[in-house]
């Protein structure tokens, strides 16, 4: 119920969905929802045993837009020392990339 309230108020999936006390990443949760929806479209019902397969550390498509850490990723930008690398920063960016949303044109 907390999840539904959050979605209705925020119009998005939260950063962590709790199934009981267990946090689930949004990509894995969305995979489970899509699996249940596909079954419903195919069979006209949801699984009887209320069991749905969760994804396992799935990477959502926006994460592909985040640069990979490799030599030269940051170029010769003057604010970075020579040979600068930031693998943890780019890994965090990939985890957060699912929050990117398309800009919607305002209707006057």
PDB file of N, CA and C in Angstrom:
ATOM      1  N   UNK A   1       0.818  -1.191   0.000  1.00  0.00           N
ATOM      2  CA  UNK A   1       0.000   0.000   0.000  1.00  0.00           C
ATOM      3  C   UNK A   1       0.863   1.255   0.000  1.00  0.00           C
ATOM      4  N   UNK A   2       1.995   1.214   0.728  1.00  0.00           N
ATOM      5  CA  UNK A   2       2.902   2.358   0.722  1.00  0.00           C
ATOM      6  C   UNK A   2       3.412   2.629  -0.688  1.00  0.00           C
ATOM      7  N   UNK A   3       3.705   1.565  -1.432  1.00  0.00           N
ATOM      8  CA  UNK A   3       4.194   1.723  -2.796  1.00  0.00           C
ATOM      9  C   UNK A   3       3.157   2.406  -3.672  1.00  0.00           C
ATOM     10  N   UNK A   4       1.922   1.958  -3.596  1.00  0.00           N
ATOM     11  CA  UNK A   4       0.865   2.586  -4.398  1.00  0.00           C
ATOM     12  C   UNK A   4       0.682   4.056  -4.037  1.00  0.00           C
ATOM     13  N   UNK A   5       0.706   4.368  -2.752  1.00  0.00           N
ATOM     14  CA  UNK A   5       0.596   5.766  -2.324  1.00  0.00           C
ATOM     15  C   UNK A   5       1.741   6.595  -2.879  1.00  0.00           C
ATOM     16  N   UNK A   6       2.961   6.051  -2.827  1.00  0.00           N
ATOM     17  CA  UNK A   6       4.116   6.767  -3.337  1.00  0.00           C
ATOM     18  C   UNK A   6       3.959   7.035  -4.838  1.00  0.00           C
ATOM     19  N   UNK A   7       3.569   6.009  -5.584  1.00  0.00           N
ATOM     20  CA  UNK A   7       3.413   6.154  -7.036  1.00  0.00           C
ATOM     21  C   UNK A   7       2.339   7.187  -7.361  1.00  0.00           C
ATOM     22  N   UNK A   8       1.245   7.166  -6.641  1.00  0.00           N
ATOM     23  CA  UNK A   8       0.171   8.134  -6.894  1.00  0.00           C
ATOM     24  C   UNK A   8       0.608   9.565  -6.579  1.00  0.00           C
ATOM     25  N   UNK A   9       1.383   9.731  -5.512  1.00  0.00           N
ATOM     26  CA  UNK A   9       1.827  11.081  -5.122  1.00  0.00           C
ATOM     27  C   UNK A   9       2.972  11.579  -5.994  1.00  0.00           C
ATOM     28  N   UNK A  10       3.957  10.715  -6.258  1.00  0.00           N
ATOM     29  CA  UNK A  10       5.194  11.132  -6.929  1.00  0.00           C
ATOM     30  C   UNK A  10       5.211  10.863  -8.440  1.00  0.00           C
ATOM     31  N   UNK A  11       4.281  10.019  -8.906  1.00  0.00           N
ATOM     32  CA  UNK A  11       4.209   9.649 -10.330  1.00  0.00           C
ATOM     33  C   UNK A  11       5.500   8.978 -10.813  1.00  0.00           C
ATOM     34  N   UNK A  12       6.079   8.155  -9.946  1.00  0.00           N
ATOM     35  CA  UNK A  12       7.294   7.422 -10.296  1.00  0.00           C
ATOM     36  C   UNK A  12       7.471   6.244  -9.341  1.00  0.00           C
ATOM     37  N   UNK A  13       8.377   5.359  -9.694  1.00  0.00           N
ATOM     38  CA  UNK A  13       8.744   4.230  -8.847  1.00  0.00           C
ATOM     39  C   UNK A  13       9.814   4.725  -7.871  1.00  0.00           C
ATOM     40  N   UNK A  14       9.751   4.361  -6.600  1.00  0.00           N
ATOM     41  CA  UNK A  14      10.777   4.819  -5.652  1.00  0.00           C
ATOM     42  C   UNK A  14      12.134   4.166  -5.927  1.00  0.00           C
ATOM     43  N   UNK A  15      13.167   4.713  -5.327  1.00  0.00           N
ATOM     44  CA  UNK A  15      14.525   4.196  -5.510  1.00  0.00           C
ATOM     45  C   UNK A  15      14.667   2.774  -4.973  1.00  0.00           C
ATOM     46  N   UNK A  16      13.889   2.430  -3.954  1.00  0.00           N
ATOM     47  CA  UNK A  16      13.868   1.071  -3.413  1.00  0.00           C
ATOM     48  C   UNK A  16      12.438   0.687  -3.135  1.00  0.00           C
ATOM     49  N   UNK A  17      12.069  -0.487  -3.587  1.00  0.00           N
ATOM     50  CA  UNK A  17      10.746  -1.038  -3.303  1.00  0.00           C
ATOM     51  C   UNK A  17      10.964  -2.129  -2.266  1.00  0.00           C
ATOM     52  N   UNK A  18      10.175  -2.097  -1.214  1.00  0.00           N
ATOM     53  CA  UNK A  18      10.331  -3.105  -0.172  1.00  0.00           C
ATOM     54  C   UNK A  18       9.292  -4.203  -0.362  1.00  0.00           C
ATOM     55  N   UNK A  19       9.779  -5.431  -0.470  1.00  0.00           N
ATOM     56  CA  UNK A  19       8.919  -6.608  -0.481  1.00  0.00           C
ATOM     57  C   UNK A  19       9.117  -7.247   0.882  1.00  0.00           C
ATOM     58  N   UNK A  20       8.198  -6.956   1.780  1.00  0.00           N
ATOM     59  CA  UNK A  20       8.409  -7.301   3.180  1.00  0.00           C
ATOM     60  C   UNK A  20       9.475  -6.375   3.705  1.00  0.00           C
ATOM     61  N   UNK A  21      10.524  -6.929   4.293  1.00  0.00           N
ATOM     62  CA  UNK A  21      11.625  -6.108   4.802  1.00  0.00           C
ATOM     63  C   UNK A  21      12.779  -6.030   3.809  1.00  0.00           C
ATOM     64  N   UNK A  22      12.642  -6.703   2.687  1.00  0.00           N
ATOM     65  CA  UNK A  22      13.731  -6.807   1.706  1.00  0.00           C
ATOM     66  C   UNK A  22      13.644  -5.700   0.655  1.00  0.00           C
ATOM     67  N   UNK A  23      14.682  -4.843   0.537  1.00  0.00           N
ATOM     68  CA  UNK A  23      14.666  -3.818  -0.512  1.00  0.00           C
ATOM     69  C   UNK A  23      14.985  -4.430  -1.872  1.00  0.00           C
ATOM     70  N   UNK A  24      14.278  -3.977  -2.895  1.00  0.00           N
ATOM     71  CA  UNK A  24      14.459  -4.478  -4.250  1.00  0.00           C
ATOM     72  C   UNK A  24      14.762  -3.282  -5.156  1.00  0.00           C
ATOM     73  N   UNK A  25      15.812  -3.370  -5.984  1.00  0.00           N
ATOM     74  CA  UNK A  25      16.102  -2.267  -6.900  1.00  0.00           C
ATOM     75  C   UNK A  25      14.946  -2.050  -7.878  1.00  0.00           C
ATOM     76  N   UNK A  26      14.764  -0.825  -8.348  1.00  0.00           N
ATOM     77  CA  UNK A  26      13.630  -0.534  -9.232  1.00  0.00           C
ATOM     78  C   UNK A  26      13.628  -1.352 -10.517  1.00  0.00           C
ATOM     79  N   UNK A  27      14.783  -1.622 -11.100  1.00  0.00           N
ATOM     80  CA  UNK A  27      14.821  -2.419 -12.332  1.00  0.00           C
ATOM     81  C   UNK A  27      14.310  -3.826 -12.110  1.00  0.00           C
ATOM     82  N   UNK A  28      14.700  -4.427 -10.997  1.00  0.00           N
ATOM     83  CA  UNK A  28      14.247  -5.786 -10.683  1.00  0.00           C
ATOM     84  C   UNK A  28      12.749  -5.810 -10.405  1.00  0.00           C
ATOM     85  N   UNK A  29      12.259  -4.785  -9.708  1.00  0.00           N
ATOM     86  CA  UNK A  29      10.828  -4.687  -9.428  1.00  0.00           C
ATOM     87  C   UNK A  29      10.032  -4.499 -10.724  1.00  0.00           C
ATOM     88  N   UNK A  30      10.498  -3.608 -11.587  1.00  0.00           N
ATOM     89  CA  UNK A  30       9.784  -3.362 -12.844  1.00  0.00           C
ATOM     90  C   UNK A  30       9.774  -4.603 -13.732  1.00  0.00           C
ATOM     91  N   UNK A  31      10.839  -5.400 -13.674  1.00  0.00           N
ATOM     92  CA  UNK A  31      10.872  -6.662 -14.407  1.00  0.00           C
ATOM     93  C   UNK A  31       9.763  -7.587 -13.909  1.00  0.00           C
ATOM     94  N   UNK A  32       9.595  -7.655 -12.587  1.00  0.00           N
ATOM     95  CA  UNK A  32       8.552  -8.506 -12.004  1.00  0.00           C
ATOM     96  C   UNK A  32       7.163  -8.020 -12.410  1.00  0.00           C
ATOM     97  N   UNK A  33       6.954  -6.707 -12.386  1.00  0.00           N
ATOM     98  CA  UNK A  33       5.653  -6.154 -12.782  1.00  0.00           C
ATOM     99  C   UNK A  33       5.380  -6.458 -14.253  1.00  0.00           C
ATOM    100  N   UNK A  34       6.390  -6.293 -15.099  1.00  0.00           N
ATOM    101  CA  UNK A  34       6.221  -6.567 -16.532  1.00  0.00           C
ATOM    102  C   UNK A  34       5.926  -8.044 -16.776  1.00  0.00           C
ATOM    103  N   UNK A  35       6.569  -8.926 -16.006  1.00  0.00           N
ATOM    104  CA  UNK A  35       6.317 -10.365 -16.138  1.00  0.00           C
ATOM    105  C   UNK A  35       4.876 -10.696 -15.770  1.00  0.00           C
ATOM    106  N   UNK A  36       4.394 -10.140 -14.657  1.00  0.00           N
ATOM    107  CA  UNK A  36       3.009 -10.378 -14.243  1.00  0.00           C
ATOM    108  C   UNK A  36       2.037  -9.808 -15.273  1.00  0.00           C
ATOM    109  N   UNK A  37       2.351  -8.626 -15.806  1.00  0.00           N
ATOM    110  CA  UNK A  37       1.474  -8.008 -16.810  1.00  0.00           C
ATOM    111  C   UNK A  37       1.413  -8.850 -18.086  1.00  0.00           C
ATOM    112  N   UNK A  38       2.557  -9.362 -18.532  1.00  0.00           N
ATOM    113  CA  UNK A  38       2.568 -10.223 -19.722  1.00  0.00           C
ATOM    114  C   UNK A  38       1.721 -11.462 -19.500  1.00  0.00           C
ATOM    115  N   UNK A  39       1.824 -12.058 -18.327  1.00  0.00           N
ATOM    116  CA  UNK A  39       1.015 -13.249 -18.038  1.00  0.00           C
ATOM    117  C   UNK A  39      -0.469 -12.898 -18.035  1.00  0.00           C
ATOM    118  N   UNK A  40      -0.794 -11.750 -17.460  1.00  0.00           N
ATOM    119  CA  UNK A  40      -2.192 -11.318 -17.432  1.00  0.00           C
ATOM    120  C   UNK A  40      -2.718 -11.108 -18.851  1.00  0.00           C
ATOM    121  N   UNK A  41      -1.929 -10.509 -19.711  1.00  0.00           N
ATOM    122  CA  UNK A  41      -2.364 -10.300 -21.103  1.00  0.00           C
ATOM    123  C   UNK A  41      -2.513 -11.618 -21.839  1.00  0.00           C
ATOM    124  N   UNK A  42      -1.630 -12.558 -21.564  1.00  0.00           N
ATOM    125  CA  UNK A  42      -1.656 -13.842 -22.244  1.00  0.00           C
ATOM    126  C   UNK A  42      -2.792 -14.735 -21.745  1.00  0.00           C
ATOM    127  N   UNK A  43      -2.935 -14.842 -20.416  1.00  0.00           N
ATOM    128  CA  UNK A  43      -3.880 -15.789 -19.821  1.00  0.00           C
ATOM    129  C   UNK A  43      -5.145 -15.142 -19.272  1.00  0.00           C
ATOM    130  N   UNK A  44      -5.140 -13.830 -19.148  1.00  0.00           N
ATOM    131  CA  UNK A  44      -6.295 -13.147 -18.576  1.00  0.00           C
ATOM    132  C   UNK A  44      -6.348 -13.202 -17.068  1.00  0.00           C
ATOM    133  N   UNK A  45      -5.270 -13.673 -16.430  1.00  0.00           N
ATOM    134  CA  UNK A  45      -5.239 -13.725 -14.970  1.00  0.00           C
ATOM    135  C   UNK A  45      -3.820 -13.501 -14.483  1.00  0.00           C
ATOM    136  N   UNK A  46      -3.728 -13.170 -13.210  1.00  0.00           N
ATOM    137  CA  UNK A  46      -2.425 -13.047 -12.591  1.00  0.00           C
ATOM    138  C   UNK A  46      -2.048 -14.394 -12.003  1.00  0.00           C
ATOM    139  N   UNK A  47      -0.758 -14.615 -11.714  1.00  0.00           N
ATOM    140  CA  UNK A  47      -0.362 -15.904 -11.133  1.00  0.00           C
ATOM    141  C   UNK A  47      -1.158 -16.209  -9.865  1.00  0.00           C
ATOM    142  N   UNK A  48      -1.685 -17.431  -9.770  1.00  0.00           N
ATOM    143  CA  UNK A  48      -2.485 -17.832  -8.609  1.00  0.00           C
ATOM    144  C   UNK A  48      -1.679 -17.868  -7.321  1.00  0.00           C
ATOM    145  N   UNK A  49      -0.430 -18.264  -7.429  1.00  0.00           N
ATOM    146  CA  UNK A  49       0.365 -18.418  -6.213  1.00  0.00           C
ATOM    147  C   UNK A  49       1.034 -17.112  -5.794  1.00  0.00           C
ATOM    148  N   UNK A  50       0.725 -16.027  -6.452  1.00  0.00           N
ATOM    149  CA  UNK A  50       1.254 -14.698  -6.142  1.00  0.00           C
ATOM    150  C   UNK A  50       2.788 -14.684  -6.233  1.00  0.00           C
ATOM    151  N   UNK A  51       3.353 -15.591  -6.961  1.00  0.00           N
ATOM    152  CA  UNK A  51       4.804 -15.613  -7.129  1.00  0.00           C
ATOM    153  C   UNK A  51       5.146 -15.081  -8.510  1.00  0.00           C
ATOM    154  N   UNK A  52       6.037 -14.131  -8.507  1.00  0.00           N
ATOM    155  CA  UNK A  52       6.492 -13.533  -9.751  1.00  0.00           C
ATOM    156  C   UNK A  52       8.015 -13.506  -9.686  1.00  0.00           C
ATOM    157  N   UNK A  53       8.650 -13.789 -10.780  1.00  0.00           N
ATOM    158  CA  UNK A  53      10.103 -13.793 -10.820  1.00  0.00           C
ATOM    159  C   UNK A  53      10.634 -12.372 -10.799  1.00  0.00           C
ATOM    160  N   UNK A  54      11.512 -12.090  -9.850  1.00  0.00           N
ATOM    161  CA  UNK A  54      12.184 -10.793  -9.812  1.00  0.00           C
ATOM    162  C   UNK A  54      13.372 -10.828 -10.759  1.00  0.00           C
ATOM    163  N   UNK A  55      13.715  -9.683 -11.286  1.00  0.00           N
ATOM    164  CA  UNK A  55      14.955  -9.581 -12.034  1.00  0.00           C
ATOM    165  C   UNK A  55      16.114  -9.698 -11.058  1.00  0.00           C
ATOM    166  N   UNK A  56      17.305  -9.760 -11.561  1.00  0.00           N
ATOM    167  CA  UNK A  56      18.472  -9.858 -10.682  1.00  0.00           C
ATOM    168  C   UNK A  56      19.518  -8.858 -11.150  1.00  0.00           C
ATOM    169  N   UNK A  57      19.578  -7.720 -10.464  1.00  0.00           N
ATOM    170  CA  UNK A  57      20.531  -6.653 -10.785  1.00  0.00           C
ATOM    171  C   UNK A  57      20.475  -6.263 -12.257  1.00  0.00           C
ATOM    172  N   UNK A  58      19.260  -6.054 -12.736  1.00  0.00           N
ATOM    173  CA  UNK A  58      19.082  -5.663 -14.134  1.00  0.00           C
ATOM    174  C   UNK A  58      19.548  -4.235 -14.355  1.00  0.00           C
ATOM    175  N   UNK A  59      20.072  -3.979 -15.524  1.00  0.00           N
ATOM    176  CA  UNK A  59      20.476  -2.628 -15.890  1.00  0.00           C
ATOM    177  C   UNK A  59      19.417  -2.086 -16.845  1.00  0.00           C
ATOM    178  N   UNK A  60      18.844  -0.947 -16.489  1.00  0.00           N
ATOM    179  CA  UNK A  60      17.837  -0.334 -17.339  1.00  0.00           C
ATOM    180  C   UNK A  60      18.508   0.424 -18.479  1.00  0.00           C
ATOM    181  N   UNK A  61      17.797   0.615 -19.574  1.00  0.00           N
ATOM    182  CA  UNK A  61      18.378   1.214 -20.769  1.00  0.00           C
ATOM    183  C   UNK A  61      19.065   2.560 -20.553  1.00  0.00           C
ATOM    184  N   UNK A  62      18.536   3.477 -19.719  1.00  0.00           N
ATOM    185  CA  UNK A  62      19.241   4.754 -19.565  1.00  0.00           C
ATOM    186  C   UNK A  62      20.672   4.610 -19.051  1.00  0.00           C
ATOM    187  N   UNK A  63      20.984   3.526 -18.340  1.00  0.00           N
ATOM    188  CA  UNK A  63      22.339   3.332 -17.819  1.00  0.00           C
ATOM    189  C   UNK A  63      23.348   3.198 -18.945  1.00  0.00           C
ATOM    190  N   UNK A  64      22.893   2.807 -20.128  1.00  0.00           N
ATOM    191  CA  UNK A  64      23.800   2.679 -21.272  1.00  0.00           C
ATOM    192  C   UNK A  64      24.318   4.038 -21.742  1.00  0.00           C
ATOM    193  N   UNK A  65      23.646   5.089 -21.347  1.00  0.00           N
ATOM    194  CA  UNK A  65      24.045   6.443 -21.740  1.00  0.00           C
ATOM    195  C   UNK A  65      25.130   7.021 -20.835  1.00  0.00           C
ATOM    196  N   UNK A  66      25.483   6.307 -19.773  1.00  0.00           N
ATOM    197  CA  UNK A  66      26.524   6.769 -18.856  1.00  0.00           C
ATOM    198  C   UNK A  66      27.862   6.218 -19.345  1.00  0.00           C
ATOM    199  N   UNK A  67      28.854   7.080 -19.412  1.00  0.00           N
ATOM    200  CA  UNK A  67      30.174   6.687 -19.919  1.00  0.00           C
ATOM    201  C   UNK A  67      30.766   5.549 -19.094  1.00  0.00           C
ATOM    202  N   UNK A  68      31.546   4.723 -19.749  1.00  0.00           N
ATOM    203  CA  UNK A  68      32.307   3.687 -19.064  1.00  0.00           C
ATOM    204  C   UNK A  68      33.613   4.301 -18.580  1.00  0.00           C
ATOM    205  N   UNK A  69      34.115   3.835 -17.449  1.00  0.00           N
ATOM    206  CA  UNK A  69      35.382   4.344 -16.943  1.00  0.00           C
ATOM    207  C   UNK A  69      36.523   3.714 -17.726  1.00  0.00           C
ATOM    208  N   UNK A  70      37.249   4.548 -18.415  1.00  0.00           N
ATOM    209  CA  UNK A  70      38.419   4.101 -19.163  1.00  0.00           C
ATOM    210  C   UNK A  70      39.370   5.285 -19.298  1.00  0.00           C
ATOM    211  N   UNK A  71      40.619   5.034 -19.588  1.00  0.00           N
ATOM    212  CA  UNK A  71      41.539   6.160 -19.737  1.00  0.00           C
ATOM    213  C   UNK A  71      41.015   7.142 -20.794  1.00  0.00           C
ATOM    214  N   UNK A  72      41.065   8.406 -20.479  1.00  0.00           N
ATOM    215  CA  UNK A  72      40.635   9.433 -21.429  1.00  0.00           C
ATOM    216  C   UNK A  72      39.163   9.782 -21.357  1.00  0.00           C
ATOM    217  N   UNK A  73      38.397   9.138 -20.474  1.00  0.00           N
ATOM    218  CA  UNK A  73      36.972   9.448 -20.369  1.00  0.00           C
ATOM    219  C   UNK A  73      36.749  10.923 -20.093  1.00  0.00           C
ATOM    220  N   UNK A  74      37.587  11.492 -19.240  1.00  0.00           N
ATOM    221  CA  UNK A  74      37.419  12.890 -18.860  1.00  0.00           C
ATOM    222  C   UNK A  74      38.237  13.836 -19.729  1.00  0.00           C
ATOM    223  N   UNK A  75      38.922  13.300 -20.722  1.00  0.00           N
ATOM    224  CA  UNK A  75      39.671  14.129 -21.663  1.00  0.00           C
ATOM    225  C   UNK A  75      40.726  14.981 -20.985  1.00  0.00           C
ATOM    226  N   UNK A  76      40.975  16.112 -21.555  1.00  0.00           N
ATOM    227  CA  UNK A  76      41.975  17.032 -21.012  1.00  0.00           C
ATOM    228  C   UNK A  76      41.314  18.187 -20.296  1.00  0.00           C
ATOM    229  N   UNK A  77      40.190  17.924 -19.674  1.00  0.00           N
ATOM    230  CA  UNK A  77      39.479  18.987 -18.973  1.00  0.00           C
ATOM    231  C   UNK A  77      40.352  19.504 -17.849  1.00  0.00           C
ATOM    232  N   UNK A  78      40.545  20.784 -17.781  1.00  0.00           N
ATOM    233  CA  UNK A  78      41.530  21.394 -16.894  1.00  0.00           C
ATOM    234  C   UNK A  78      41.257  21.163 -15.407  1.00  0.00           C
ATOM    235  N   UNK A  79      40.018  20.911 -15.035  1.00  0.00           N
ATOM    236  CA  UNK A  79      39.724  20.736 -13.604  1.00  0.00           C
ATOM    237  C   UNK A  79      40.152  19.372 -13.074  1.00  0.00           C
ATOM    238  N   UNK A  80      40.487  18.431 -13.968  1.00  0.00           N
ATOM    239  CA  UNK A  80      40.914  17.099 -13.545  1.00  0.00           C
ATOM    240  C   UNK A  80      42.416  16.944 -13.725  1.00  0.00           C
ATOM    241  N   UNK A  81      43.079  16.312 -12.771  1.00  0.00           N
ATOM    242  CA  UNK A  81      44.508  16.056 -12.954  1.00  0.00           C
ATOM    243  C   UNK A  81      44.725  15.032 -14.065  1.00  0.00           C
ATOM    244  N   UNK A  82      45.899  14.986 -14.604  1.00  0.00           N
ATOM    245  CA  UNK A  82      46.231  14.021 -15.665  1.00  0.00           C
ATOM    246  C   UNK A  82      45.951  12.602 -15.173  1.00  0.00           C
ATOM    247  N   UNK A  83      45.336  11.812 -16.020  1.00  0.00           N
ATOM    248  CA  UNK A  83      45.039  10.422 -15.685  1.00  0.00           C
ATOM    249  C   UNK A  83      43.873  10.225 -14.727  1.00  0.00           C
ATOM    250  N   UNK A  84      43.063  11.261 -14.537  1.00  0.00           N
ATOM    251  CA  UNK A  84      41.928  11.177 -13.603  1.00  0.00           C
ATOM    252  C   UNK A  84      40.977  10.063 -14.001  1.00  0.00           C
ATOM    253  N   UNK A  85      40.544   9.266 -13.016  1.00  0.00           N
ATOM    254  CA  UNK A  85      39.555   8.204 -13.223  1.00  0.00           C
ATOM    255  C   UNK A  85      38.564   8.273 -12.071  1.00  0.00           C
ATOM    256  N   UNK A  86      37.331   7.897 -12.311  1.00  0.00           N
ATOM    257  CA  UNK A  86      36.306   7.914 -11.258  1.00  0.00           C
ATOM    258  C   UNK A  86      35.335   6.760 -11.459  1.00  0.00           C
ATOM    259  N   UNK A  87      35.788   5.518 -11.322  1.00  0.00           N
ATOM    260  CA  UNK A  87      34.903   4.378 -11.576  1.00  0.00           C
ATOM    261  C   UNK A  87      33.701   4.313 -10.631  1.00  0.00           C
ATOM    262  N   UNK A  88      33.896   4.676  -9.353  1.00  0.00           N
ATOM    263  CA  UNK A  88      32.781   4.617  -8.409  1.00  0.00           C
ATOM    264  C   UNK A  88      31.723   5.659  -8.753  1.00  0.00           C
ATOM    265  N   UNK A  89      32.152   6.832  -9.190  1.00  0.00           N
ATOM    266  CA  UNK A  89      31.216   7.888  -9.571  1.00  0.00           C
ATOM    267  C   UNK A  89      30.379   7.468 -10.779  1.00  0.00           C
ATOM    268  N   UNK A  90      31.012   6.858 -11.761  1.00  0.00           N
ATOM    269  CA  UNK A  90      30.275   6.406 -12.937  1.00  0.00           C
ATOM    270  C   UNK A  90      29.365   5.228 -12.608  1.00  0.00           C
ATOM    271  N   UNK A  91      29.779   4.364 -11.694  1.00  0.00           N
ATOM    272  CA  UNK A  91      28.908   3.259 -11.266  1.00  0.00           C
ATOM    273  C   UNK A  91      27.667   3.810 -10.577  1.00  0.00           C
ATOM    274  N   UNK A  92      27.847   4.828  -9.736  1.00  0.00           N
ATOM    275  CA  UNK A  92      26.706   5.462  -9.082  1.00  0.00           C
ATOM    276  C   UNK A  92      25.791   6.123 -10.122  1.00  0.00           C
ATOM    277  N   UNK A  93      26.374   6.764 -11.102  1.00  0.00           N
ATOM    278  CA  UNK A  93      25.576   7.400 -12.157  1.00  0.00           C
ATOM    279  C   UNK A  93      24.743   6.362 -12.902  1.00  0.00           C
ATOM    280  N   UNK A  94      25.300   5.180 -13.162  1.00  0.00           N
ATOM    281  CA  UNK A  94      24.526   4.120 -13.838  1.00  0.00           C
ATOM    282  C   UNK A  94      23.370   3.650 -12.974  1.00  0.00           C
ATOM    283  N   UNK A  95      23.604   3.553 -11.656  1.00  0.00           N
ATOM    284  CA  UNK A  95      22.524   3.146 -10.754  1.00  0.00           C
ATOM    285  C   UNK A  95      21.404   4.180 -10.719  1.00  0.00           C
ATOM    286  N   UNK A  96      21.750   5.445 -10.842  1.00  0.00           N
ATOM    287  CA  UNK A  96      20.755   6.513 -10.764  1.00  0.00           C
ATOM    288  C   UNK A  96      20.156   6.874 -12.116  1.00  0.00           C
ATOM    289  N   UNK A  97      20.695   6.335 -13.194  1.00  0.00           N
ATOM    290  CA  UNK A  97      20.240   6.711 -14.527  1.00  0.00           C
ATOM    291  C   UNK A  97      18.768   6.369 -14.763  1.00  0.00           C
ATOM    292  N   UNK A  98      18.226   5.398 -14.040  1.00  0.00           N
ATOM    293  CA  UNK A  98      16.818   5.023 -14.239  1.00  0.00           C
ATOM    294  C   UNK A  98      15.881   6.169 -13.882  1.00  0.00           C
ATOM    295  N   UNK A  99      16.365   7.133 -13.107  1.00  0.00           N
ATOM    296  CA  UNK A  99      15.501   8.242 -12.696  1.00  0.00           C
ATOM    297  C   UNK A  99      15.343   9.288 -13.789  1.00  0.00           C
ATOM    298  N   UNK A 100      16.147   9.186 -14.856  1.00  0.00           N
ATOM    299  CA  UNK A 100      16.027  10.151 -15.952  1.00  0.00           C
ATOM    300  C   UNK A 100      14.655  10.028 -16.593  1.00  0.00           C
ATOM    301  N   UNK A 101      14.072  11.151 -16.881  1.00  0.00           N
ATOM    302  CA  UNK A 101      12.731  11.151 -17.484  1.00  0.00           C
ATOM    303  C   UNK A 101      12.747  12.100 -18.675  1.00  0.00           C
ATOM    304  N   UNK A 102      11.983  11.792 -19.684  1.00  0.00           N
ATOM    305  CA  UNK A 102      11.952  12.700 -20.844  1.00  0.00           C
ATOM    306  C   UNK A 102      11.265  14.015 -20.471  1.00  0.00           C
ATOM    307  N   UNK A 103      11.735  15.064 -21.071  1.00  0.00           N
ATOM    308  CA  UNK A 103      11.098  16.365 -20.860  1.00  0.00           C
ATOM    309  C   UNK A 103       9.787  16.379 -21.637  1.00  0.00           C
ATOM    310  N   UNK A 104       8.742  16.864 -21.011  1.00  0.00           N
ATOM    311  CA  UNK A 104       7.446  16.952 -21.674  1.00  0.00           C
ATOM    312  C   UNK A 104       7.181  18.415 -21.985  1.00  0.00           C
ATOM    313  N   UNK A 105       6.750  18.656 -23.206  1.00  0.00           N
ATOM    314  CA  UNK A 105       6.451  20.018 -23.608  1.00  0.00           C
ATOM    315  C   UNK A 105       5.189  20.494 -22.907  1.00  0.00           C
ATOM    316  N   UNK A 106       5.261  21.676 -22.328  1.00  0.00           N
ATOM    317  CA  UNK A 106       4.099  22.242 -21.652  1.00  0.00           C
ATOM    318  C   UNK A 106       3.071  22.668 -22.690  1.00  0.00           C
ATOM    319  N   UNK A 107       1.830  22.352 -22.426  1.00  0.00           N
ATOM    320  CA  UNK A 107       0.750  22.752 -23.318  1.00  0.00           C
ATOM    321  C   UNK A 107       0.219  24.104 -22.816  1.00  0.00           C
ATOM    322  N   UNK A 108       0.292  25.134 -23.677  1.00  0.00           N
ATOM    323  CA  UNK A 108      -0.165  26.449 -23.223  1.00  0.00           C
ATOM    324  C   UNK A 108      -1.668  26.522 -22.988  1.00  0.00           C
TER     325      UNK A 108
END
